[in-house]
Amino acid sequence: MAFISESELPKIGFNSFGTNVSISSKASIYNPHLIEIGNNVRIDDFVILSPTSKGIKIGNYVHIGCYSSLIGRGLITINDYSGTSGRVCIYSSNDDYSGNFMMGPTLPEEFTNITTGDVTLGKHVPIGAGSIILPNVLIEDGAVIGALSLVRKNVRSFTINQGNPLRELGKRNRTVLELEEEFKSKFRTES
């Protein structure tokens, strides 16, 4: 995987970006002025970042796996120590499939009925491969989304979730919070 060089990152035109940011040269980035990236972030091959109005905010120590997409009109926020496995799609806007409206980005808005809503991944939220997250979703701190899940509603903190429809399978251990404190103490990190 070839990453965009440190000298080339400022030329992309991000709203802001931190240190130790690794973005694949094969990633597609649209409207970079609407994207904020923290420190120690890795964005892999064939990722699509495409905000159209509110933007994308990526925290510290975040990994966006290959073939993932972050797309839409609402704000997409991925907080510290969170990230996606491969082929995860996060949508902050979505078409109306009822048949009462037309669908597609090339049509005037008067013919469509697009749902728009922010999507937030709290801290320590891993999203399993092939999962889809739709608009108006808050995944609280520490929640886990298993592979191939469809997330259409908010997810409670420190729970393990999977499926379509999404089901809460159990509680997640909070030891990760102690490990975060140990990590920050040992490496004197900023987050």
Protein backbone atom coordinates (compact mmCIF):
# COMPACT_ATOMS: atom_id res chain seq x y z
CA MET A 1 0.00 0.00 0.00
CA ALA A 2 1.47 3.36 -1.03
CA PHE A 3 0.57 6.31 1.18
CA ILE A 4 0.30 9.96 0.20
CA SER A 5 3.53 11.64 1.26
CA GLU A 6 3.68 14.06 4.17
CA SER A 7 4.52 16.87 1.76
CA GLU A 8 1.48 16.09 -0.43
CA LEU A 9 -1.11 15.94 2.40
CA PRO A 10 -1.45 19.75 2.76
CA LYS A 11 -2.11 20.06 -0.99
CA ILE A 12 -5.27 17.94 -0.70
CA GLY A 13 -7.02 20.81 1.08
CA PHE A 14 -8.33 19.19 4.27
CA ASN A 15 -10.03 21.48 6.79
CA SER A 16 -7.41 20.12 9.20
CA PHE A 17 -5.21 17.09 9.74
CA GLY A 18 -2.86 16.00 12.48
CA THR A 19 0.45 14.21 12.68
CA ASN A 20 1.22 10.65 11.62
CA VAL A 21 -1.63 10.54 9.09
CA SER A 22 -1.34 7.76 6.51
CA ILE A 23 -3.77 7.92 3.58
CA SER A 24 -3.54 5.47 0.72
CA SER A 25 -2.82 7.02 -2.66
CA LYS A 26 -5.70 4.83 -3.89
CA ALA A 27 -8.30 6.47 -1.59
CA SER A 28 -10.90 8.80 -3.17
CA ILE A 29 -11.42 12.09 -1.35
CA TYR A 30 -14.16 14.56 -2.31
CA ASN A 31 -14.75 17.98 -0.72
CA PRO A 32 -11.63 17.73 1.45
CA HIS A 33 -12.34 21.19 2.91
CA LEU A 34 -15.20 19.48 4.83
CA ILE A 35 -12.92 16.82 6.36
CA GLU A 36 -11.04 16.99 9.67
CA ILE A 37 -8.51 14.28 10.53
CA GLY A 38 -6.82 13.81 13.91
CA ASN A 39 -3.46 12.28 14.79
CA ASN A 40 -2.33 8.72 14.14
CA VAL A 41 -4.94 7.94 11.51
CA ARG A 42 -4.69 5.37 8.73
CA ILE A 43 -6.99 5.33 5.71
CA ASP A 44 -6.53 2.28 3.48
CA ASP A 45 -6.87 1.50 -0.24
CA PHE A 46 -10.12 2.27 -2.06
CA VAL A 47 -11.73 4.17 0.82
CA ILE A 48 -14.21 6.85 -0.29
CA LEU A 49 -14.61 10.00 1.81
CA SER A 50 -17.42 12.06 0.28
CA PRO A 51 -19.14 14.59 2.53
CA THR A 52 -21.55 16.92 0.75
CA SER A 53 -22.44 19.52 3.37
CA LYS A 54 -21.75 19.01 7.09
CA GLY A 55 -18.52 17.06 6.78
CA ILE A 56 -16.50 14.23 8.27
CA LYS A 57 -14.58 14.40 11.56
CA ILE A 58 -12.08 11.65 12.28
CA GLY A 59 -10.49 11.54 15.73
CA ASN A 60 -7.14 10.19 16.93
CA TYR A 61 -5.92 6.61 16.54
CA VAL A 62 -8.57 5.76 13.96
CA HIS A 63 -8.28 3.20 11.17
CA ILE A 64 -10.59 3.17 8.13
CA GLY A 65 -10.32 -0.24 6.44
CA CYS A 66 -10.08 -0.86 2.72
CA TYR A 67 -13.14 -0.35 0.51
CA SER A 68 -14.99 1.56 3.25
CA SER A 69 -17.20 4.53 2.36
CA LEU A 70 -18.18 7.58 4.41
CA ILE A 71 -20.78 9.42 2.35
CA GLY A 72 -23.59 11.92 2.80
CA ARG A 73 -25.00 15.29 3.73
CA GLY A 74 -25.02 14.87 7.52
CA LEU A 75 -22.02 15.04 9.81
CA ILE A 76 -20.10 11.77 10.17
CA THR A 77 -17.96 11.65 13.33
CA ILE A 78 -15.58 8.84 14.22
CA ASN A 79 -14.15 9.40 17.68
CA ASP A 80 -10.80 8.30 19.13
CA TYR A 81 -9.74 4.63 19.05
CA SER A 82 -12.60 3.66 16.73
CA GLY A 83 -12.66 2.52 13.15
CA THR A 84 -13.95 0.28 10.42
CA SER A 85 -12.96 -3.07 9.04
CA GLY A 86 -13.07 -3.52 5.28
CA ARG A 87 -16.14 -2.73 3.18
CA VAL A 88 -18.01 -0.75 5.83
CA CYS A 89 -20.44 1.87 4.52
CA ILE A 90 -21.49 4.84 6.66
CA TYR A 91 -24.26 6.92 5.11
CA SER A 92 -25.42 10.23 6.58
CA SER A 93 -28.10 10.55 3.89
CA ASN A 94 -30.35 8.02 2.21
CA ASP A 95 -32.94 7.92 -0.58
CA ASP A 96 -36.66 7.20 -0.07
CA TYR A 97 -37.35 3.71 -1.46
CA SER A 98 -41.17 3.89 -1.17
CA GLY A 99 -41.75 4.61 -4.84
CA ASN A 100 -43.34 7.96 -4.00
CA PHE A 101 -40.18 9.78 -5.05
CA MET A 102 -37.44 9.42 -7.61
CA MET A 103 -33.98 8.36 -6.52
CA GLY A 104 -30.48 9.44 -7.42
CA PRO A 105 -27.99 12.26 -6.99
CA THR A 106 -28.50 13.62 -10.52
CA LEU A 107 -32.15 14.62 -9.93
CA PRO A 108 -33.43 17.96 -8.61
CA GLU A 109 -34.38 17.80 -4.90
CA GLU A 110 -38.07 18.51 -5.65
CA PHE A 111 -38.32 14.99 -7.12
CA THR A 112 -36.51 13.19 -4.30
CA ASN A 113 -37.04 12.69 -0.58
CA ILE A 114 -33.62 12.29 0.98
CA THR A 115 -33.28 11.50 4.68
CA THR A 116 -30.29 13.25 6.19
CA GLY A 117 -28.94 12.78 9.70
CA ASP A 118 -25.67 12.78 11.57
CA VAL A 119 -23.82 9.55 12.32
CA THR A 120 -21.54 9.33 15.35
CA LEU A 121 -19.23 6.54 16.43
CA GLY A 122 -18.19 7.07 20.05
CA LYS A 123 -14.76 6.19 21.43
CA HIS A 124 -13.59 2.56 21.20
CA VAL A 125 -16.20 1.59 18.60
CA PRO A 126 -15.03 -1.03 16.07
CA ILE A 127 -17.30 -1.70 13.10
CA GLY A 128 -17.08 -5.21 11.62
CA ALA A 129 -16.48 -5.95 7.95
CA GLY A 130 -19.31 -5.40 5.51
CA SER A 131 -21.52 -3.50 7.94
CA ILE A 132 -23.77 -0.62 6.91
CA ILE A 133 -24.67 2.34 9.11
CA LEU A 134 -27.60 4.55 8.06
CA PRO A 135 -28.40 8.21 8.92
CA ASN A 136 -29.44 9.41 12.39
CA VAL A 137 -27.39 6.84 14.32
CA LEU A 138 -25.35 7.24 17.49
CA ILE A 139 -23.17 4.28 18.42
CA GLU A 140 -22.21 5.04 21.99
CA ASP A 141 -18.71 4.62 23.47
CA GLY A 142 -17.41 1.08 23.63
CA ALA A 143 -20.13 -0.55 21.55
CA VAL A 144 -19.09 -3.20 19.03
CA ILE A 145 -20.81 -3.86 15.71
CA GLY A 146 -20.17 -7.36 14.32
CA ALA A 147 -19.54 -8.13 10.67
CA LEU A 148 -22.33 -7.84 8.09
CA SER A 149 -24.63 -5.82 10.35
CA LEU A 150 -27.20 -3.19 9.40
CA VAL A 151 -27.33 -0.32 11.90
CA ARG A 152 -30.53 1.75 11.63
CA LYS A 153 -30.94 2.84 15.25
CA ASN A 154 -28.82 4.03 18.17
CA VAL A 155 -26.61 1.49 19.93
CA ARG A 156 -26.04 1.46 23.69
CA SER A 157 -22.55 1.83 25.19
CA PHE A 158 -20.36 -1.20 25.85
CA THR A 159 -22.63 -3.68 24.13
CA ILE A 160 -21.85 -6.32 21.51
CA ASN A 161 -24.21 -6.13 18.55
CA GLN A 162 -24.66 -7.97 15.27
CA GLY A 163 -27.08 -8.84 12.52
CA ASN A 164 -29.90 -7.63 10.30
CA PRO A 165 -31.97 -6.68 12.15
CA LEU A 166 -29.30 -5.59 14.61
CA ARG A 167 -29.48 -7.43 17.92
CA GLU A 168 -27.69 -6.77 21.18
CA LEU A 169 -25.86 -10.00 22.03
CA GLY A 170 -24.29 -9.03 25.34
CA LYS A 171 -22.13 -6.64 27.29
CA ARG A 172 -18.57 -5.66 26.39
CA ASN A 173 -15.83 -5.52 29.02
CA ARG A 174 -14.75 -2.01 30.03
CA THR A 175 -11.09 -2.97 30.50
CA VAL A 176 -10.41 -1.07 27.28
CA LEU A 177 -10.85 2.17 29.28
CA GLU A 178 -8.08 1.14 31.70
CA LEU A 179 -5.88 0.22 28.75
CA GLU A 180 -6.54 3.65 27.23
CA GLU A 181 -5.34 5.35 30.42
CA GLU A 182 -2.26 3.12 30.58
CA PHE A 183 -1.53 3.85 26.91
CA LYS A 184 -1.92 7.61 27.38
CA SER A 185 0.28 7.54 30.47
CA LYS A 186 2.99 5.45 28.84
CA PHE A 187 3.09 7.36 25.55
CA ARG A 188 1.82 10.76 26.80
CA THR A 189 -0.74 10.98 24.02
CA GLU A 190 -3.02 13.92 23.37
CA SER A 191 -6.40 12.18 23.27
